[in-house]
């Protein structure tokens, strides 16, 4: 039998499902896409500069960056997770030192990161406000709003 998560163990019938943060979903999506781009950029740099730079160095750095980008998806929900994400944006931009097109790609991803964080925070605020107003309405109207059961 599979091991249950904490949320699954604590669930009881009738409990509302906790909403996932849109900011975290957007941030994780951008980081995961960056991991794929970093991996394929590593392969491109490996093919283009194999004679100039040690292949182990190219592959080691590129694969490590891809893995760190994927692992960063797990920490974006923590208060310091966004700082880690911003640091990784800078690292991705700096990969342009090895392949100049990565300056452009890194800057475009940094813009996507900024936009995703900003928009995700706005959506999360709107959802919290909507939930607060719904709770007020439910409290004011009580059983009137409950659907009738046959």
C-alpha atoms as a PDB file:
ATOM      1  CA  UNK A   1       0.000   0.000   0.000  1.00  0.00           C
ATOM      2  CA  UNK A   2       1.261   3.467  -0.858  1.00  0.00           C
ATOM      3  CA  UNK A   3       2.325   5.819   1.893  1.00  0.00           C
ATOM      4  CA  UNK A   4      -0.172   8.624   2.524  1.00  0.00           C
ATOM      5  CA  UNK A   5       0.889  12.250   2.620  1.00  0.00           C
ATOM      6  CA  UNK A   6       0.204  14.402   5.678  1.00  0.00           C
ATOM      7  CA  UNK A   7      -2.690  16.125   3.881  1.00  0.00           C
ATOM      8  CA  UNK A   8      -4.202  12.749   2.991  1.00  0.00           C
ATOM      9  CA  UNK A   9      -3.883  11.458   6.570  1.00  0.00           C
ATOM     10  CA  UNK A  10      -5.516  14.581   8.031  1.00  0.00           C
ATOM     11  CA  UNK A  11      -8.374  14.749   5.516  1.00  0.00           C
ATOM     12  CA  UNK A  12     -11.907  14.253   6.811  1.00  0.00           C
ATOM     13  CA  UNK A  13     -15.172  14.224   4.826  1.00  0.00           C
ATOM     14  CA  UNK A  14     -16.538  17.714   4.283  1.00  0.00           C
ATOM     15  CA  UNK A  15     -13.160  19.433   4.675  1.00  0.00           C
ATOM     16  CA  UNK A  16     -12.564  22.114   2.053  1.00  0.00           C
ATOM     17  CA  UNK A  17      -9.550  21.549  -0.178  1.00  0.00           C
ATOM     18  CA  UNK A  18      -6.719  23.971   0.493  1.00  0.00           C
ATOM     19  CA  UNK A  19      -6.073  26.195  -2.508  1.00  0.00           C
ATOM     20  CA  UNK A  20      -2.697  26.022  -4.232  1.00  0.00           C
ATOM     21  CA  UNK A  21      -0.848  29.259  -4.709  1.00  0.00           C
ATOM     22  CA  UNK A  22      -0.923  30.546  -8.269  1.00  0.00           C
ATOM     23  CA  UNK A  23       2.381  32.323  -7.642  1.00  0.00           C
ATOM     24  CA  UNK A  24       4.027  29.000  -6.730  1.00  0.00           C
ATOM     25  CA  UNK A  25       2.548  27.273  -9.783  1.00  0.00           C
ATOM     26  CA  UNK A  26       3.773  30.036 -12.126  1.00  0.00           C
ATOM     27  CA  UNK A  27       7.229  30.119 -10.521  1.00  0.00           C
ATOM     28  CA  UNK A  28       7.593  26.335 -10.699  1.00  0.00           C
ATOM     29  CA  UNK A  29       6.539  26.325 -14.339  1.00  0.00           C
ATOM     30  CA  UNK A  30       9.136  28.946 -15.298  1.00  0.00           C
ATOM     31  CA  UNK A  31      11.885  27.112 -13.382  1.00  0.00           C
ATOM     32  CA  UNK A  32      11.018  23.791 -15.005  1.00  0.00           C
ATOM     33  CA  UNK A  33      11.056  25.340 -18.480  1.00  0.00           C
ATOM     34  CA  UNK A  34      14.421  26.918 -17.665  1.00  0.00           C
ATOM     35  CA  UNK A  35      15.754  23.496 -16.656  1.00  0.00           C
ATOM     36  CA  UNK A  36      14.890  22.114 -20.096  1.00  0.00           C
ATOM     37  CA  UNK A  37      16.451  25.121 -21.824  1.00  0.00           C
ATOM     38  CA  UNK A  38      19.597  24.843 -19.682  1.00  0.00           C
ATOM     39  CA  UNK A  39      19.914  21.154 -20.550  1.00  0.00           C
ATOM     40  CA  UNK A  40      19.554  21.720 -24.292  1.00  0.00           C
ATOM     41  CA  UNK A  41      21.847  24.758 -24.168  1.00  0.00           C
ATOM     42  CA  UNK A  42      24.404  22.526 -22.449  1.00  0.00           C
ATOM     43  CA  UNK A  43      24.207  20.102 -25.352  1.00  0.00           C
ATOM     44  CA  UNK A  44      24.605  22.967 -27.826  1.00  0.00           C
ATOM     45  CA  UNK A  45      27.651  24.396 -26.030  1.00  0.00           C
ATOM     46  CA  UNK A  46      29.087  20.875 -25.731  1.00  0.00           C
ATOM     47  CA  UNK A  47      28.833  20.466 -29.497  1.00  0.00           C
ATOM     48  CA  UNK A  48      30.113  23.940 -30.364  1.00  0.00           C
ATOM     49  CA  UNK A  49      32.989  24.319 -27.901  1.00  0.00           C
ATOM     50  CA  UNK A  50      34.120  20.779 -27.238  1.00  0.00           C
ATOM     51  CA  UNK A  51      37.635  21.514 -28.467  1.00  0.00           C
ATOM     52  CA  UNK A  52      37.977  24.794 -26.528  1.00  0.00           C
ATOM     53  CA  UNK A  53      36.623  23.811 -23.099  1.00  0.00           C
ATOM     54  CA  UNK A  54      36.843  20.502 -21.276  1.00  0.00           C
ATOM     55  CA  UNK A  55      33.709  18.466 -22.082  1.00  0.00           C
ATOM     56  CA  UNK A  56      33.385  17.342 -18.453  1.00  0.00           C
ATOM     57  CA  UNK A  57      33.248  20.960 -17.321  1.00  0.00           C
ATOM     58  CA  UNK A  58      30.561  21.873 -19.848  1.00  0.00           C
ATOM     59  CA  UNK A  59      28.405  18.838 -19.125  1.00  0.00           C
ATOM     60  CA  UNK A  60      28.961  19.013 -15.371  1.00  0.00           C
ATOM     61  CA  UNK A  61      27.962  22.654 -15.069  1.00  0.00           C
ATOM     62  CA  UNK A  62      25.017  22.391 -17.453  1.00  0.00           C
ATOM     63  CA  UNK A  63      23.519  19.264 -15.949  1.00  0.00           C
ATOM     64  CA  UNK A  64      24.073  20.583 -12.418  1.00  0.00           C
ATOM     65  CA  UNK A  65      22.292  23.830 -13.355  1.00  0.00           C
ATOM     66  CA  UNK A  66      19.385  21.861 -14.819  1.00  0.00           C
ATOM     67  CA  UNK A  67      19.085  19.746 -11.672  1.00  0.00           C
ATOM     68  CA  UNK A  68      19.254  22.799  -9.395  1.00  0.00           C
ATOM     69  CA  UNK A  69      16.519  24.502 -11.441  1.00  0.00           C
ATOM     70  CA  UNK A  70      14.273  21.449 -11.024  1.00  0.00           C
ATOM     71  CA  UNK A  71      15.028  21.193  -7.293  1.00  0.00           C
ATOM     72  CA  UNK A  72      14.300  24.906  -6.851  1.00  0.00           C
ATOM     73  CA  UNK A  73      10.678  24.170  -7.755  1.00  0.00           C
ATOM     74  CA  UNK A  74      10.353  22.529  -4.335  1.00  0.00           C
ATOM     75  CA  UNK A  75      11.462  25.617  -2.394  1.00  0.00           C
ATOM     76  CA  UNK A  76       9.590  28.433  -4.145  1.00  0.00           C
ATOM     77  CA  UNK A  77       6.789  28.140  -1.578  1.00  0.00           C
ATOM     78  CA  UNK A  78       9.197  29.027   1.236  1.00  0.00           C
ATOM     79  CA  UNK A  79       9.872  32.707   2.053  1.00  0.00           C
ATOM     80  CA  UNK A  80      13.470  32.487   0.793  1.00  0.00           C
ATOM     81  CA  UNK A  81      12.504  30.449  -2.279  1.00  0.00           C
ATOM     82  CA  UNK A  82      11.883  33.491  -4.450  1.00  0.00           C
ATOM     83  CA  UNK A  83      15.371  34.787  -3.664  1.00  0.00           C
ATOM     84  CA  UNK A  84      16.769  31.437  -4.827  1.00  0.00           C
ATOM     85  CA  UNK A  85      14.729  31.821  -8.022  1.00  0.00           C
ATOM     86  CA  UNK A  86      16.091  35.312  -8.639  1.00  0.00           C
ATOM     87  CA  UNK A  87      19.615  34.007  -8.088  1.00  0.00           C
ATOM     88  CA  UNK A  88      19.024  31.284 -10.656  1.00  0.00           C
ATOM     89  CA  UNK A  89      17.760  33.906 -13.111  1.00  0.00           C
ATOM     90  CA  UNK A  90      21.103  35.694 -12.774  1.00  0.00           C
ATOM     91  CA  UNK A  91      23.000  32.423 -13.259  1.00  0.00           C
ATOM     92  CA  UNK A  92      20.981  31.653 -16.394  1.00  0.00           C
ATOM     93  CA  UNK A  93      21.717  35.114 -17.790  1.00  0.00           C
ATOM     94  CA  UNK A  94      25.420  34.646 -17.023  1.00  0.00           C
ATOM     95  CA  UNK A  95      25.490  31.447 -19.071  1.00  0.00           C
ATOM     96  CA  UNK A  96      25.666  33.903 -21.960  1.00  0.00           C
ATOM     97  CA  UNK A  97      29.400  34.035 -21.265  1.00  0.00           C
ATOM     98  CA  UNK A  98      29.674  30.535 -22.756  1.00  0.00           C
ATOM     99  CA  UNK A  99      27.060  31.042 -25.493  1.00  0.00           C
ATOM    100  CA  UNK A 100      26.086  34.671 -26.270  1.00  0.00           C
ATOM    101  CA  UNK A 101      22.504  33.792 -27.284  1.00  0.00           C
ATOM    102  CA  UNK A 102      21.918  32.712 -23.685  1.00  0.00           C
ATOM    103  CA  UNK A 103      22.085  36.394 -22.646  1.00  0.00           C
ATOM    104  CA  UNK A 104      18.884  36.956 -24.612  1.00  0.00           C
ATOM    105  CA  UNK A 105      17.285  33.703 -23.464  1.00  0.00           C
ATOM    106  CA  UNK A 106      18.216  34.407 -19.842  1.00  0.00           C
ATOM    107  CA  UNK A 107      16.822  37.936 -19.949  1.00  0.00           C
ATOM    108  CA  UNK A 108      13.583  36.700 -21.526  1.00  0.00           C
ATOM    109  CA  UNK A 109      13.213  34.050 -18.826  1.00  0.00           C
ATOM    110  CA  UNK A 110      13.933  36.635 -16.116  1.00  0.00           C
ATOM    111  CA  UNK A 111      11.080  38.735 -17.535  1.00  0.00           C
ATOM    112  CA  UNK A 112       8.834  35.655 -17.506  1.00  0.00           C
ATOM    113  CA  UNK A 113       9.871  34.972 -13.894  1.00  0.00           C
ATOM    114  CA  UNK A 114       9.100  38.556 -12.840  1.00  0.00           C
ATOM    115  CA  UNK A 115       5.753  38.542 -14.654  1.00  0.00           C
ATOM    116  CA  UNK A 116       4.776  35.129 -13.252  1.00  0.00           C
ATOM    117  CA  UNK A 117       5.588  36.156  -9.686  1.00  0.00           C
ATOM    118  CA  UNK A 118       3.824  39.506 -10.007  1.00  0.00           C
ATOM    119  CA  UNK A 119       0.721  38.079 -11.669  1.00  0.00           C
ATOM    120  CA  UNK A 120       0.604  35.066  -9.357  1.00  0.00           C
ATOM    121  CA  UNK A 121       0.672  37.320  -6.293  1.00  0.00           C
ATOM    122  CA  UNK A 122      -2.149  39.441  -7.737  1.00  0.00           C
ATOM    123  CA  UNK A 123      -4.278  36.381  -8.499  1.00  0.00           C
ATOM    124  CA  UNK A 124      -3.624  34.952  -5.012  1.00  0.00           C
ATOM    125  CA  UNK A 125      -4.771  38.256  -3.450  1.00  0.00           C
ATOM    126  CA  UNK A 126      -7.920  38.269  -5.572  1.00  0.00           C
ATOM    127  CA  UNK A 127      -8.719  34.655  -4.655  1.00  0.00           C
ATOM    128  CA  UNK A 128      -8.211  35.391  -0.945  1.00  0.00           C
ATOM    129  CA  UNK A 129     -10.529  38.406  -1.203  1.00  0.00           C
ATOM    130  CA  UNK A 130     -13.142  36.339  -3.056  1.00  0.00           C
ATOM    131  CA  UNK A 131     -12.938  33.597  -0.398  1.00  0.00           C
ATOM    132  CA  UNK A 132     -13.264  36.185   2.387  1.00  0.00           C
ATOM    133  CA  UNK A 133     -16.352  37.714   0.781  1.00  0.00           C
ATOM    134  CA  UNK A 134     -17.874  34.285   0.187  1.00  0.00           C
ATOM    135  CA  UNK A 135     -17.323  33.376   3.854  1.00  0.00           C
ATOM    136  CA  UNK A 136     -18.997  36.647   4.931  1.00  0.00           C
ATOM    137  CA  UNK A 137     -21.952  35.974   2.639  1.00  0.00           C
ATOM    138  CA  UNK A 138     -22.275  32.385   3.878  1.00  0.00           C
ATOM    139  CA  UNK A 139     -22.184  33.575   7.494  1.00  0.00           C
ATOM    140  CA  UNK A 140     -24.830  36.232   6.819  1.00  0.00           C
ATOM    141  CA  UNK A 141     -27.200  33.960   4.904  1.00  0.00           C
ATOM    142  CA  UNK A 142     -26.635  30.733   6.823  1.00  0.00           C
ATOM    143  CA  UNK A 143     -28.903  27.852   5.779  1.00  0.00           C
ATOM    144  CA  UNK A 144     -30.681  29.857   3.054  1.00  0.00           C
ATOM    145  CA  UNK A 145     -27.861  29.186   0.622  1.00  0.00           C
ATOM    146  CA  UNK A 146     -27.632  25.459   1.292  1.00  0.00           C
ATOM    147  CA  UNK A 147     -28.855  23.346  -1.625  1.00  0.00           C
ATOM    148  CA  UNK A 148     -31.945  21.309  -0.916  1.00  0.00           C
ATOM    149  CA  UNK A 149     -31.522  17.553  -0.716  1.00  0.00           C
ATOM    150  CA  UNK A 150     -34.421  15.274  -1.663  1.00  0.00           C
END
